[in-house]
Amino acid sequence: MAGPVRGSVRALFAALLAPLLVALLVAPASGRGGRGHGDWDADLLLPPLPPREDAARVARFVTHICDWGALATVSTQEAVRGWPFADVLSLSDGPPGAGSGVPYFYLSPMQQLVGNLQENPYATLTMSLAQTNFCRKHGFDPQSPLCAHIILAGTVTKVNETERDTAQQSLFIRHPEMKDWPASHQWFFAKLNITNIWVLDYFGGPKIVTPEAYYNVTSQ
């Protein structure tokens, strides 16, 4: 009898546990993509792509919609010194619907790319709508130019005290868990000072946008 009893207990336990596991799997994350944190992936919340002929507006749109990108720096690691070195970074240009166009980062000296930037502050940042459901919904491959993406070049610098509150608000509202990252990592706020902009959103090669035109866009 002991065997059947144990089997019944295990079956009962599994039946009770199954709904909890399902709930954990389908529950939204508490970060940027979770419910209540500006989930741009939801069809009803993702704003429409601006007209493709307005490259400056498309660039601002991609910057604002994306909450992470790949930042490429020049490596200081001995094994690959002088080589391109890319890493994924969370970013934000402002609260949902109120972007400034300035990509802000939350960095730590423990990150390899921060060491690279201390020696050479020049970097390029790539962001793509592949991180939203825009491209999946339309059947666009991430490498297709129809899956709009942009490349921003410039220098990465630590923000000054005047801009610190803006950077903090921009990042923490989109990435709430940052507030709980360990202080021992000496986190600081930084930004990309944009000097060059390329927009790839259609066939025929990239469109070049000036920083002036980019920052003159009044809304996303």
C-alpha atoms as a PDB file:
ATOM      1  CA  MET A   1       0.000   0.000   0.000  1.00  0.00           C
ATOM      2  CA  ALA A   2       2.882   2.353   0.703  1.00  0.00           C
ATOM      3  CA  GLY A   3       3.773   2.583  -2.996  1.00  0.00           C
ATOM      4  CA  PRO A   4       0.271   3.542  -4.235  1.00  0.00           C
ATOM      5  CA  VAL A   5      -0.129   6.029  -1.362  1.00  0.00           C
ATOM      6  CA  ARG A   6       3.147   7.747  -2.169  1.00  0.00           C
ATOM      7  CA  GLY A   7       2.168   7.845  -5.832  1.00  0.00           C
ATOM      8  CA  SER A   8      -1.173   9.442  -4.983  1.00  0.00           C
ATOM      9  CA  VAL A   9       0.519  12.049  -2.796  1.00  0.00           C
ATOM     10  CA  ARG A  10       2.983  12.915  -5.566  1.00  0.00           C
ATOM     11  CA  ALA A  11       0.164  13.223  -8.087  1.00  0.00           C
ATOM     12  CA  LEU A  12      -1.807  15.490  -5.758  1.00  0.00           C
ATOM     13  CA  PHE A  13       1.251  17.641  -5.104  1.00  0.00           C
ATOM     14  CA  ALA A  14       1.939  17.953  -8.836  1.00  0.00           C
ATOM     15  CA  ALA A  15      -1.671  18.934  -9.501  1.00  0.00           C
ATOM     16  CA  LEU A  16      -1.504  21.652  -6.838  1.00  0.00           C
ATOM     17  CA  LEU A  17       1.876  22.940  -8.022  1.00  0.00           C
ATOM     18  CA  ALA A  18       1.101  23.074 -11.753  1.00  0.00           C
ATOM     19  CA  PRO A  19      -1.067  26.252 -11.687  1.00  0.00           C
ATOM     20  CA  LEU A  20       1.608  28.071  -9.688  1.00  0.00           C
ATOM     21  CA  LEU A  21       4.331  27.158 -12.202  1.00  0.00           C
ATOM     22  CA  VAL A  22       2.163  28.266 -15.100  1.00  0.00           C
ATOM     23  CA  ALA A  23       1.465  31.580 -13.379  1.00  0.00           C
ATOM     24  CA  LEU A  24       5.188  32.178 -12.873  1.00  0.00           C
ATOM     25  CA  LEU A  25       5.958  31.391 -16.492  1.00  0.00           C
ATOM     26  CA  VAL A  26       3.359  33.714 -17.993  1.00  0.00           C
ATOM     27  CA  ALA A  27       3.603  36.546 -15.464  1.00  0.00           C
ATOM     28  CA  PRO A  28       5.205  39.730 -16.874  1.00  0.00           C
ATOM     29  CA  ALA A  29       8.659  40.679 -15.709  1.00  0.00           C
ATOM     30  CA  SER A  30       8.972  43.530 -13.230  1.00  0.00           C
ATOM     31  CA  GLY A  31      11.408  45.427 -15.462  1.00  0.00           C
ATOM     32  CA  ARG A  32      10.954  47.652 -18.506  1.00  0.00           C
ATOM     33  CA  GLY A  33       8.965  45.081 -20.482  1.00  0.00           C
ATOM     34  CA  GLY A  34       6.595  44.234 -17.632  1.00  0.00           C
ATOM     35  CA  ARG A  35       3.064  45.485 -17.200  1.00  0.00           C
ATOM     36  CA  GLY A  36       3.059  49.074 -15.957  1.00  0.00           C
ATOM     37  CA  HIS A  37       6.543  49.919 -17.236  1.00  0.00           C
ATOM     38  CA  GLY A  38       5.801  51.146 -20.748  1.00  0.00           C
ATOM     39  CA  ASP A  39       5.657  47.807 -22.538  1.00  0.00           C
ATOM     40  CA  TRP A  40       6.202  48.920 -26.143  1.00  0.00           C
ATOM     41  CA  ASP A  41       5.843  45.296 -27.313  1.00  0.00           C
ATOM     42  CA  ALA A  42       2.090  45.407 -26.763  1.00  0.00           C
ATOM     43  CA  ASP A  43       0.301  46.122 -30.044  1.00  0.00           C
ATOM     44  CA  LEU A  44      -1.929  48.727 -28.458  1.00  0.00           C
ATOM     45  CA  LEU A  45       0.967  50.667 -26.916  1.00  0.00           C
ATOM     46  CA  LEU A  46       3.616  50.594 -29.662  1.00  0.00           C
ATOM     47  CA  PRO A  47       3.283  53.906 -31.555  1.00  0.00           C
ATOM     48  CA  PRO A  48       3.247  53.719 -35.367  1.00  0.00           C
ATOM     49  CA  LEU A  49       6.548  54.041 -37.215  1.00  0.00           C
ATOM     50  CA  PRO A  50       7.006  57.610 -38.538  1.00  0.00           C
ATOM     51  CA  PRO A  51       7.077  58.124 -42.328  1.00  0.00           C
ATOM     52  CA  ARG A  52      10.261  56.549 -43.689  1.00  0.00           C
ATOM     53  CA  GLU A  53      11.090  59.688 -45.676  1.00  0.00           C
ATOM     54  CA  ASP A  54      11.497  61.560 -42.377  1.00  0.00           C
ATOM     55  CA  ALA A  55      14.775  59.954 -41.334  1.00  0.00           C
ATOM     56  CA  ALA A  56      15.383  62.252 -38.357  1.00  0.00           C
ATOM     57  CA  ARG A  57      11.999  61.373 -36.885  1.00  0.00           C
ATOM     58  CA  VAL A  58      12.590  57.664 -37.491  1.00  0.00           C
ATOM     59  CA  ALA A  59      15.930  57.945 -35.677  1.00  0.00           C
ATOM     60  CA  ARG A  60      14.331  59.620 -32.664  1.00  0.00           C
ATOM     61  CA  PHE A  61      11.521  57.044 -32.704  1.00  0.00           C
ATOM     62  CA  VAL A  62      13.943  54.089 -32.629  1.00  0.00           C
ATOM     63  CA  THR A  63      16.040  55.694 -29.889  1.00  0.00           C
ATOM     64  CA  HIS A  64      12.980  56.268 -27.750  1.00  0.00           C
ATOM     65  CA  ILE A  65      11.278  52.921 -28.304  1.00  0.00           C
ATOM     66  CA  CYS A  66      14.394  50.828 -27.697  1.00  0.00           C
ATOM     67  CA  ASP A  67      15.454  50.122 -24.146  1.00  0.00           C
ATOM     68  CA  TRP A  68      18.740  48.405 -24.951  1.00  0.00           C
ATOM     69  CA  GLY A  69      21.395  48.510 -27.613  1.00  0.00           C
ATOM     70  CA  ALA A  70      24.856  47.252 -28.551  1.00  0.00           C
ATOM     71  CA  LEU A  71      27.665  49.686 -27.747  1.00  0.00           C
ATOM     72  CA  ALA A  72      30.915  49.159 -29.635  1.00  0.00           C
ATOM     73  CA  THR A  73      34.151  50.508 -28.157  1.00  0.00           C
ATOM     74  CA  VAL A  74      37.862  50.051 -28.887  1.00  0.00           C
ATOM     75  CA  SER A  75      39.210  47.234 -26.737  1.00  0.00           C
ATOM     76  CA  THR A  76      41.965  47.710 -24.169  1.00  0.00           C
ATOM     77  CA  GLN A  77      42.090  43.975 -23.396  1.00  0.00           C
ATOM     78  CA  GLU A  78      45.570  42.714 -24.213  1.00  0.00           C
ATOM     79  CA  ALA A  79      44.321  39.730 -26.202  1.00  0.00           C
ATOM     80  CA  VAL A  80      42.254  41.943 -28.495  1.00  0.00           C
ATOM     81  CA  ARG A  81      43.754  45.408 -27.986  1.00  0.00           C
ATOM     82  CA  GLY A  82      42.592  47.846 -30.629  1.00  0.00           C
ATOM     83  CA  TRP A  83      39.831  45.562 -31.873  1.00  0.00           C
ATOM     84  CA  PRO A  84      36.137  46.491 -31.941  1.00  0.00           C
ATOM     85  CA  PHE A  85      34.488  45.389 -28.689  1.00  0.00           C
ATOM     86  CA  ALA A  86      30.686  45.351 -28.438  1.00  0.00           C
ATOM     87  CA  ASP A  87      28.462  44.745 -25.439  1.00  0.00           C
ATOM     88  CA  VAL A  88      24.742  45.011 -24.730  1.00  0.00           C
ATOM     89  CA  LEU A  89      23.664  47.914 -22.520  1.00  0.00           C
ATOM     90  CA  SER A  90      20.315  48.957 -21.124  1.00  0.00           C
ATOM     91  CA  LEU A  91      19.535  52.553 -22.000  1.00  0.00           C
ATOM     92  CA  SER A  92      16.853  55.220 -22.013  1.00  0.00           C
ATOM     93  CA  ASP A  93      16.343  58.643 -23.525  1.00  0.00           C
ATOM     94  CA  GLY A  94      13.491  59.491 -21.154  1.00  0.00           C
ATOM     95  CA  PRO A  95      10.146  58.311 -19.768  1.00  0.00           C
ATOM     96  CA  PRO A  96       7.785  56.639 -22.258  1.00  0.00           C
ATOM     97  CA  GLY A  97       6.315  59.331 -24.499  1.00  0.00           C
ATOM     98  CA  ALA A  98       8.786  61.998 -23.351  1.00  0.00           C
ATOM     99  CA  GLY A  99      12.116  61.158 -24.946  1.00  0.00           C
ATOM    100  CA  SER A 100      14.950  63.667 -25.206  1.00  0.00           C
ATOM    101  CA  GLY A 101      16.946  61.792 -27.848  1.00  0.00           C
ATOM    102  CA  VAL A 102      19.933  61.512 -25.487  1.00  0.00           C
ATOM    103  CA  PRO A 103      20.866  57.872 -24.796  1.00  0.00           C
ATOM    104  CA  TYR A 104      21.643  57.518 -21.091  1.00  0.00           C
ATOM    105  CA  PHE A 105      23.475  54.553 -19.541  1.00  0.00           C
ATOM    106  CA  TYR A 106      24.092  53.207 -16.033  1.00  0.00           C
ATOM    107  CA  LEU A 107      27.693  52.019 -15.964  1.00  0.00           C
ATOM    108  CA  SER A 108      30.141  50.423 -13.567  1.00  0.00           C
ATOM    109  CA  PRO A 109      33.960  50.378 -13.579  1.00  0.00           C
ATOM    110  CA  MET A 110      33.619  46.598 -13.390  1.00  0.00           C
ATOM    111  CA  GLN A 111      32.377  46.504 -16.983  1.00  0.00           C
ATOM    112  CA  GLN A 112      35.067  45.857 -19.588  1.00  0.00           C
ATOM    113  CA  LEU A 113      33.736  48.516 -21.933  1.00  0.00           C
ATOM    114  CA  VAL A 114      34.077  51.171 -19.227  1.00  0.00           C
ATOM    115  CA  GLY A 115      37.809  50.477 -19.150  1.00  0.00           C
ATOM    116  CA  ASN A 116      37.819  50.864 -22.922  1.00  0.00           C
ATOM    117  CA  LEU A 117      35.993  54.185 -22.709  1.00  0.00           C
ATOM    118  CA  GLN A 118      38.399  55.536 -20.096  1.00  0.00           C
ATOM    119  CA  GLU A 119      41.197  55.166 -22.621  1.00  0.00           C
ATOM    120  CA  ASN A 120      39.176  56.061 -25.716  1.00  0.00           C
ATOM    121  CA  PRO A 121      35.699  57.596 -25.282  1.00  0.00           C
ATOM    122  CA  TYR A 122      34.667  57.134 -28.922  1.00  0.00           C
ATOM    123  CA  ALA A 123      31.892  54.585 -29.471  1.00  0.00           C
ATOM    124  CA  THR A 124      29.042  53.573 -31.734  1.00  0.00           C
ATOM    125  CA  LEU A 125      25.605  52.517 -30.528  1.00  0.00           C
ATOM    126  CA  THR A 126      23.230  50.317 -32.530  1.00  0.00           C
ATOM    127  CA  MET A 127      19.506  50.002 -31.723  1.00  0.00           C
ATOM    128  CA  SER A 128      16.892  48.027 -33.649  1.00  0.00           C
ATOM    129  CA  LEU A 129      13.127  47.623 -33.634  1.00  0.00           C
ATOM    130  CA  ALA A 130      13.857  43.876 -33.702  1.00  0.00           C
ATOM    131  CA  GLN A 131      13.591  44.109 -29.918  1.00  0.00           C
ATOM    132  CA  THR A 132       9.906  45.031 -30.243  1.00  0.00           C
ATOM    133  CA  ASN A 133       7.241  42.973 -32.005  1.00  0.00           C
ATOM    134  CA  PHE A 134       7.178  45.423 -34.947  1.00  0.00           C
ATOM    135  CA  CYS A 135       9.495  43.314 -37.112  1.00  0.00           C
ATOM    136  CA  ARG A 136       8.050  39.973 -36.025  1.00  0.00           C
ATOM    137  CA  LYS A 137       4.524  41.175 -36.756  1.00  0.00           C
ATOM    138  CA  HIS A 138       5.482  42.231 -40.297  1.00  0.00           C
ATOM    139  CA  GLY A 139       7.729  39.234 -40.955  1.00  0.00           C
ATOM    140  CA  PHE A 140      10.932  41.309 -41.212  1.00  0.00           C
ATOM    141  CA  ASP A 141      14.247  39.624 -40.456  1.00  0.00           C
ATOM    142  CA  PRO A 142      16.341  41.620 -37.941  1.00  0.00           C
ATOM    143  CA  GLN A 143      18.979  42.235 -40.633  1.00  0.00           C
ATOM    144  CA  SER A 144      16.437  43.492 -43.157  1.00  0.00           C
ATOM    145  CA  PRO A 145      16.506  47.276 -43.565  1.00  0.00           C
ATOM    146  CA  LEU A 146      12.704  47.180 -43.256  1.00  0.00           C
ATOM    147  CA  CYS A 147      13.289  46.223 -39.620  1.00  0.00           C
ATOM    148  CA  ALA A 148      14.316  49.784 -38.788  1.00  0.00           C
ATOM    149  CA  HIS A 149      17.587  50.227 -36.957  1.00  0.00           C
ATOM    150  CA  ILE A 150      19.966  53.086 -36.353  1.00  0.00           C
ATOM    151  CA  ILE A 151      23.657  53.611 -35.620  1.00  0.00           C
ATOM    152  CA  LEU A 152      24.766  56.539 -33.482  1.00  0.00           C
ATOM    153  CA  ALA A 153      28.415  57.530 -33.154  1.00  0.00           C
ATOM    154  CA  GLY A 154      30.023  59.851 -30.643  1.00  0.00           C
ATOM    155  CA  THR A 155      31.718  59.935 -27.265  1.00  0.00           C
ATOM    156  CA  VAL A 156      30.507  58.426 -24.009  1.00  0.00           C
ATOM    157  CA  THR A 157      30.969  60.669 -20.988  1.00  0.00           C
ATOM    158  CA  LYS A 158      29.841  60.704 -17.382  1.00  0.00           C
ATOM    159  CA  VAL A 159      26.961  63.131 -16.878  1.00  0.00           C
ATOM    160  CA  ASN A 160      27.545  66.182 -14.700  1.00  0.00           C
ATOM    161  CA  GLU A 161      25.618  66.901 -11.521  1.00  0.00           C
ATOM    162  CA  THR A 162      23.187  69.192 -13.359  1.00  0.00           C
ATOM    163  CA  GLU A 163      22.127  66.354 -15.661  1.00  0.00           C
ATOM    164  CA  ARG A 164      22.328  63.539 -13.123  1.00  0.00           C
ATOM    165  CA  ASP A 165      18.682  63.711 -12.004  1.00  0.00           C
ATOM    166  CA  THR A 166      17.471  63.642 -15.613  1.00  0.00           C
ATOM    167  CA  ALA A 167      19.610  60.592 -16.391  1.00  0.00           C
ATOM    168  CA  GLN A 168      18.468  58.817 -13.239  1.00  0.00           C
ATOM    169  CA  GLN A 169      14.786  59.455 -13.878  1.00  0.00           C
ATOM    170  CA  SER A 170      15.121  58.431 -17.522  1.00  0.00           C
ATOM    171  CA  LEU A 171      16.772  55.116 -16.677  1.00  0.00           C
ATOM    172  CA  PHE A 172      15.031  54.097 -13.464  1.00  0.00           C
ATOM    173  CA  ILE A 173      11.521  54.570 -14.863  1.00  0.00           C
ATOM    174  CA  ARG A 174      12.331  52.254 -17.769  1.00  0.00           C
ATOM    175  CA  HIS A 175      14.614  49.857 -15.839  1.00  0.00           C
ATOM    176  CA  PRO A 176      13.266  49.769 -12.254  1.00  0.00           C
ATOM    177  CA  GLU A 177      15.580  47.011 -11.045  1.00  0.00           C
ATOM    178  CA  MET A 178      18.586  49.312 -11.524  1.00  0.00           C
ATOM    179  CA  LYS A 179      17.665  50.981  -8.230  1.00  0.00           C
ATOM    180  CA  ASP A 180      18.572  47.752  -6.436  1.00  0.00           C
ATOM    181  CA  TRP A 181      21.880  47.033  -8.149  1.00  0.00           C
ATOM    182  CA  PRO A 182      24.751  46.764  -5.599  1.00  0.00           C
ATOM    183  CA  ALA A 183      26.309  50.090  -4.636  1.00  0.00           C
ATOM    184  CA  SER A 184      29.665  48.311  -4.302  1.00  0.00           C
ATOM    185  CA  HIS A 185      29.845  48.272  -8.110  1.00  0.00           C
ATOM    186  CA  GLN A 186      30.177  52.088  -8.089  1.00  0.00           C
ATOM    187  CA  TRP A 187      27.485  52.722 -10.671  1.00  0.00           C
ATOM    188  CA  PHE A 188      27.407  56.077 -12.431  1.00  0.00           C
ATOM    189  CA  PHE A 189      25.281  57.745 -15.103  1.00  0.00           C
ATOM    190  CA  ALA A 190      26.693  58.371 -18.555  1.00  0.00           C
ATOM    191  CA  LYS A 191      25.455  59.455 -21.972  1.00  0.00           C
ATOM    192  CA  LEU A 192      26.381  59.295 -25.636  1.00  0.00           C
ATOM    193  CA  ASN A 193      27.303  62.685 -27.091  1.00  0.00           C
ATOM    194  CA  ILE A 194      26.080  62.100 -30.642  1.00  0.00           C
ATOM    195  CA  THR A 195      28.191  63.302 -33.560  1.00  0.00           C
ATOM    196  CA  ASN A 196      26.975  61.069 -36.419  1.00  0.00           C
ATOM    197  CA  ILE A 197      23.714  59.266 -37.197  1.00  0.00           C
ATOM    198  CA  TRP A 198      22.836  56.583 -39.757  1.00  0.00           C
ATOM    199  CA  VAL A 199      19.287  55.322 -40.293  1.00  0.00           C
ATOM    200  CA  LEU A 200      18.546  52.009 -42.018  1.00  0.00           C
ATOM    201  CA  ASP A 201      14.812  51.639 -42.548  1.00  0.00           C
ATOM    202  CA  TYR A 202      14.502  50.886 -46.276  1.00  0.00           C
ATOM    203  CA  PHE A 203      16.449  49.548 -49.250  1.00  0.00           C
ATOM    204  CA  GLY A 204      19.152  51.644 -50.917  1.00  0.00           C
ATOM    205  CA  GLY A 205      21.630  52.156 -48.100  1.00  0.00           C
ATOM    206  CA  PRO A 206      21.680  54.193 -44.893  1.00  0.00           C
ATOM    207  CA  LYS A 207      20.300  57.701 -44.573  1.00  0.00           C
ATOM    208  CA  ILE A 208      22.536  60.235 -42.879  1.00  0.00           C
ATOM    209  CA  VAL A 209      20.944  62.501 -40.279  1.00  0.00           C
ATOM    210  CA  THR A 210      22.674  65.452 -38.644  1.00  0.00           C
ATOM    211  CA  PRO A 211      22.554  65.790 -34.849  1.00  0.00           C
ATOM    212  CA  GLU A 212      20.849  69.156 -35.344  1.00  0.00           C
ATOM    213  CA  ALA A 213      17.996  67.623 -37.355  1.00  0.00           C
ATOM    214  CA  TYR A 214      17.783  64.741 -34.860  1.00  0.00           C
ATOM    215  CA  TYR A 215      17.404  66.982 -31.832  1.00  0.00           C
ATOM    216  CA  ASN A 216      15.014  69.335 -33.622  1.00  0.00           C
ATOM    217  CA  VAL A 217      12.386  66.579 -33.772  1.00  0.00           C
ATOM    218  CA  THR A 218       9.713  67.737 -31.331  1.00  0.00           C
ATOM    219  CA  SER A 219       7.870  64.484 -30.599  1.00  0.00           C
ATOM    220  CA  GLN A 220       8.127  60.734 -31.039  1.00  0.00           C
END
